[in-house]
Amino acid sequence: MTGNSAKPAVSTWRKVAAAILDFFFIFFAGGYVIGLLTGGTTEKGFSLSGGPALLLFALIVLYFVVLGRYLGGTLFQRLLGTR
């Protein structure tokens, strides 16, 4: 018996959908939290510029690197079964 335990290939649309959903999730959730902490909330949501915007950018990068590489996948990668 051969021990071939290769996983079937994941469809491209699921990978793309997971990446898009992850980006929107961390952008809106992280942006709103940073806006609350820095006074950048508005009636329509949040508005970030300067340091808070750079902080959000760093948070987005860390989200994908840390969760994707070290914790087994991002939220939507796990939900859509791409990891």
N, C-alpha and C. Protein backbone atom coordinates (compact mmCIF):
# COMPACT_ATOMS: atom_id res chain seq x y z
N MET A 1 0.85 -1.17 0.00
CA MET A 1 0.00 0.00 0.00
C MET A 1 0.90 1.23 0.00
N THR A 2 0.60 2.15 -0.87
CA THR A 2 1.39 3.38 -0.91
C THR A 2 0.77 4.40 0.01
N GLY A 3 1.57 5.12 0.71
CA GLY A 3 1.11 6.13 1.67
C GLY A 3 0.91 7.48 1.02
N ASN A 4 0.24 7.51 -0.11
CA ASN A 4 0.01 8.75 -0.83
C ASN A 4 -1.15 9.51 -0.19
N SER A 5 -0.82 10.53 0.59
CA SER A 5 -1.85 11.29 1.29
C SER A 5 -1.90 12.73 0.77
N ALA A 6 -1.76 12.88 -0.54
CA ALA A 6 -1.79 14.21 -1.14
C ALA A 6 -3.20 14.78 -1.07
N LYS A 7 -3.27 16.05 -0.70
CA LYS A 7 -4.57 16.72 -0.63
C LYS A 7 -5.00 17.12 -2.03
N PRO A 8 -6.29 17.09 -2.30
CA PRO A 8 -6.75 17.54 -3.62
C PRO A 8 -6.52 19.05 -3.78
N ALA A 9 -6.32 19.47 -5.00
CA ALA A 9 -6.06 20.89 -5.27
C ALA A 9 -7.29 21.72 -4.94
N VAL A 10 -7.04 22.89 -4.37
CA VAL A 10 -8.12 23.81 -4.01
C VAL A 10 -8.39 24.71 -5.21
N SER A 11 -9.66 24.95 -5.49
CA SER A 11 -10.00 25.76 -6.66
C SER A 11 -9.54 27.21 -6.48
N THR A 12 -9.20 27.82 -7.60
CA THR A 12 -8.66 29.17 -7.59
C THR A 12 -9.66 30.18 -7.05
N TRP A 13 -10.93 30.02 -7.39
CA TRP A 13 -11.93 31.00 -6.94
C TRP A 13 -12.02 31.03 -5.43
N ARG A 14 -11.80 29.90 -4.76
CA ARG A 14 -11.86 29.88 -3.30
C ARG A 14 -10.68 30.63 -2.70
N LYS A 15 -9.51 30.49 -3.31
CA LYS A 15 -8.33 31.22 -2.83
C LYS A 15 -8.52 32.72 -3.01
N VAL A 16 -9.02 33.12 -4.18
CA VAL A 16 -9.24 34.54 -4.47
C VAL A 16 -10.31 35.10 -3.55
N ALA A 17 -11.40 34.37 -3.37
CA ALA A 17 -12.48 34.83 -2.49
C ALA A 17 -11.98 34.98 -1.06
N ALA A 18 -11.18 34.03 -0.59
CA ALA A 18 -10.64 34.11 0.77
C ALA A 18 -9.75 35.34 0.92
N ALA A 19 -8.91 35.62 -0.07
CA ALA A 19 -8.02 36.78 0.01
C ALA A 19 -8.81 38.08 0.03
N ILE A 20 -9.83 38.18 -0.82
CA ILE A 20 -10.65 39.40 -0.87
C ILE A 20 -11.41 39.59 0.44
N LEU A 21 -12.05 38.53 0.92
CA LEU A 21 -12.81 38.63 2.17
C LEU A 21 -11.90 38.94 3.35
N ASP A 22 -10.72 38.33 3.39
CA ASP A 22 -9.76 38.63 4.46
C ASP A 22 -9.34 40.09 4.43
N PHE A 23 -9.06 40.60 3.23
CA PHE A 23 -8.64 42.00 3.12
C PHE A 23 -9.74 42.94 3.62
N PHE A 24 -10.97 42.74 3.15
CA PHE A 24 -12.06 43.63 3.57
C PHE A 24 -12.32 43.50 5.07
N PHE A 25 -12.23 42.28 5.60
CA PHE A 25 -12.45 42.07 7.03
C PHE A 25 -11.43 42.84 7.86
N ILE A 26 -10.15 42.66 7.57
CA ILE A 26 -9.12 43.31 8.39
C ILE A 26 -9.09 44.81 8.13
N PHE A 27 -9.41 45.25 6.91
CA PHE A 27 -9.43 46.68 6.62
C PHE A 27 -10.51 47.38 7.42
N PHE A 28 -11.74 46.85 7.38
CA PHE A 28 -12.83 47.53 8.07
C PHE A 28 -12.77 47.35 9.59
N ALA A 29 -12.48 46.13 10.05
CA ALA A 29 -12.39 45.90 11.50
C ALA A 29 -11.20 46.65 12.10
N GLY A 30 -10.02 46.48 11.49
CA GLY A 30 -8.83 47.16 11.98
C GLY A 30 -8.93 48.66 11.85
N GLY A 31 -9.47 49.13 10.73
CA GLY A 31 -9.61 50.57 10.52
C GLY A 31 -10.54 51.20 11.53
N TYR A 32 -11.64 50.52 11.83
CA TYR A 32 -12.58 51.08 12.79
C TYR A 32 -11.98 51.11 14.19
N VAL A 33 -11.30 50.03 14.58
CA VAL A 33 -10.68 49.99 15.91
C VAL A 33 -9.59 51.06 16.02
N ILE A 34 -8.75 51.18 15.01
CA ILE A 34 -7.71 52.22 15.04
C ILE A 34 -8.36 53.60 15.05
N GLY A 35 -9.44 53.77 14.29
CA GLY A 35 -10.17 55.03 14.30
C GLY A 35 -10.73 55.37 15.67
N LEU A 36 -11.26 54.37 16.36
CA LEU A 36 -11.76 54.59 17.72
C LEU A 36 -10.64 55.01 18.67
N LEU A 37 -9.50 54.36 18.54
CA LEU A 37 -8.38 54.64 19.45
C LEU A 37 -7.70 55.97 19.16
N THR A 38 -7.76 56.43 17.92
CA THR A 38 -7.05 57.66 17.55
C THR A 38 -7.98 58.83 17.26
N GLY A 39 -9.27 58.65 17.44
CA GLY A 39 -10.21 59.73 17.18
C GLY A 39 -10.52 59.93 15.71
N GLY A 40 -10.35 58.89 14.91
CA GLY A 40 -10.57 59.01 13.47
C GLY A 40 -11.91 58.49 13.00
N THR A 41 -12.88 58.34 13.91
CA THR A 41 -14.19 57.88 13.47
C THR A 41 -15.02 59.06 12.97
N THR A 42 -15.88 58.78 12.01
CA THR A 42 -16.78 59.78 11.45
C THR A 42 -18.20 59.24 11.50
N GLU A 43 -19.15 60.03 11.03
CA GLU A 43 -20.54 59.57 10.99
C GLU A 43 -20.70 58.38 10.06
N LYS A 44 -19.88 58.30 9.04
CA LYS A 44 -19.99 57.24 8.03
C LYS A 44 -19.01 56.09 8.26
N GLY A 45 -18.24 56.11 9.31
CA GLY A 45 -17.28 55.04 9.57
C GLY A 45 -16.00 55.57 10.19
N PHE A 46 -14.93 55.57 9.39
CA PHE A 46 -13.65 56.05 9.89
C PHE A 46 -12.88 56.73 8.77
N SER A 47 -11.97 57.60 9.17
CA SER A 47 -11.10 58.30 8.23
C SER A 47 -9.72 58.37 8.85
N LEU A 48 -8.77 57.72 8.22
CA LEU A 48 -7.42 57.65 8.76
C LEU A 48 -6.44 58.32 7.81
N SER A 49 -5.49 59.05 8.38
CA SER A 49 -4.41 59.63 7.58
C SER A 49 -3.17 59.70 8.45
N GLY A 50 -2.02 59.73 7.81
CA GLY A 50 -0.76 59.83 8.54
C GLY A 50 -0.43 58.56 9.30
N GLY A 51 -0.07 58.73 10.57
CA GLY A 51 0.33 57.61 11.42
C GLY A 51 -0.71 56.52 11.56
N PRO A 52 -1.98 56.85 11.84
CA PRO A 52 -3.00 55.81 11.94
C PRO A 52 -3.17 55.00 10.65
N ALA A 53 -3.04 55.66 9.49
CA ALA A 53 -3.15 54.93 8.22
C ALA A 53 -1.98 53.97 8.05
N LEU A 54 -0.78 54.41 8.44
CA LEU A 54 0.38 53.51 8.37
C LEU A 54 0.23 52.35 9.35
N LEU A 55 -0.35 52.62 10.50
CA LEU A 55 -0.61 51.56 11.47
C LEU A 55 -1.58 50.53 10.90
N LEU A 56 -2.61 50.99 10.21
CA LEU A 56 -3.56 50.06 9.58
C LEU A 56 -2.87 49.25 8.50
N PHE A 57 -2.02 49.88 7.70
CA PHE A 57 -1.28 49.15 6.67
C PHE A 57 -0.41 48.06 7.30
N ALA A 58 0.29 48.40 8.38
CA ALA A 58 1.13 47.42 9.08
C ALA A 58 0.28 46.29 9.65
N LEU A 59 -0.90 46.62 10.17
CA LEU A 59 -1.80 45.60 10.72
C LEU A 59 -2.26 44.63 9.64
N ILE A 60 -2.57 45.15 8.45
CA ILE A 60 -3.01 44.30 7.35
C ILE A 60 -1.88 43.35 6.94
N VAL A 61 -0.67 43.88 6.82
CA VAL A 61 0.47 43.04 6.45
C VAL A 61 0.71 41.98 7.52
N LEU A 62 0.70 42.37 8.78
CA LEU A 62 0.91 41.41 9.87
C LEU A 62 -0.18 40.35 9.90
N TYR A 63 -1.41 40.73 9.63
CA TYR A 63 -2.53 39.78 9.61
C TYR A 63 -2.25 38.66 8.61
N PHE A 64 -1.87 39.03 7.39
CA PHE A 64 -1.63 38.02 6.37
C PHE A 64 -0.37 37.21 6.64
N VAL A 65 0.69 37.85 7.11
CA VAL A 65 1.95 37.13 7.35
C VAL A 65 1.83 36.21 8.55
N VAL A 66 1.39 36.74 9.68
CA VAL A 66 1.37 35.94 10.90
C VAL A 66 0.33 34.83 10.82
N LEU A 67 -0.90 35.17 10.46
CA LEU A 67 -1.93 34.14 10.40
C LEU A 67 -1.69 33.17 9.25
N GLY A 68 -1.29 33.69 8.10
CA GLY A 68 -1.09 32.83 6.94
C GLY A 68 0.10 31.89 7.07
N ARG A 69 1.17 32.39 7.62
CA ARG A 69 2.38 31.59 7.67
C ARG A 69 2.55 30.81 8.97
N TYR A 70 2.26 31.46 10.09
CA TYR A 70 2.61 30.86 11.37
C TYR A 70 1.43 30.23 12.12
N LEU A 71 0.22 30.62 11.81
CA LEU A 71 -0.93 30.09 12.56
C LEU A 71 -1.86 29.24 11.71
N GLY A 72 -1.40 28.80 10.56
CA GLY A 72 -2.16 27.84 9.78
C GLY A 72 -3.22 28.40 8.86
N GLY A 73 -3.26 29.68 8.65
CA GLY A 73 -4.22 30.26 7.71
C GLY A 73 -5.02 31.38 8.32
N THR A 74 -5.46 32.28 7.45
CA THR A 74 -6.28 33.40 7.90
C THR A 74 -7.70 32.93 8.17
N LEU A 75 -8.52 33.82 8.67
CA LEU A 75 -9.89 33.48 9.02
C LEU A 75 -10.65 32.89 7.83
N PHE A 76 -10.65 33.58 6.71
CA PHE A 76 -11.43 33.11 5.57
C PHE A 76 -10.73 31.98 4.81
N GLN A 77 -9.43 31.84 4.93
CA GLN A 77 -8.77 30.67 4.36
C GLN A 77 -9.25 29.42 5.09
N ARG A 78 -9.42 29.52 6.37
CA ARG A 78 -9.91 28.38 7.14
C ARG A 78 -11.38 28.11 6.87
N LEU A 79 -12.19 29.19 6.81
CA LEU A 79 -13.62 29.01 6.57
C LEU A 79 -13.91 28.43 5.19
N LEU A 80 -13.15 28.84 4.18
CA LEU A 80 -13.38 28.36 2.82
C LEU A 80 -12.56 27.11 2.50
N GLY A 81 -11.78 26.64 3.45
CA GLY A 81 -11.05 25.39 3.29
C GLY A 81 -9.90 25.45 2.30
N THR A 82 -9.23 26.59 2.21
CA THR A 82 -8.09 26.67 1.31
C THR A 82 -6.78 26.32 2.01
N ARG A 83 -6.81 26.11 3.29
CA ARG A 83 -5.62 25.69 4.04
C ARG A 83 -5.86 24.36 4.68
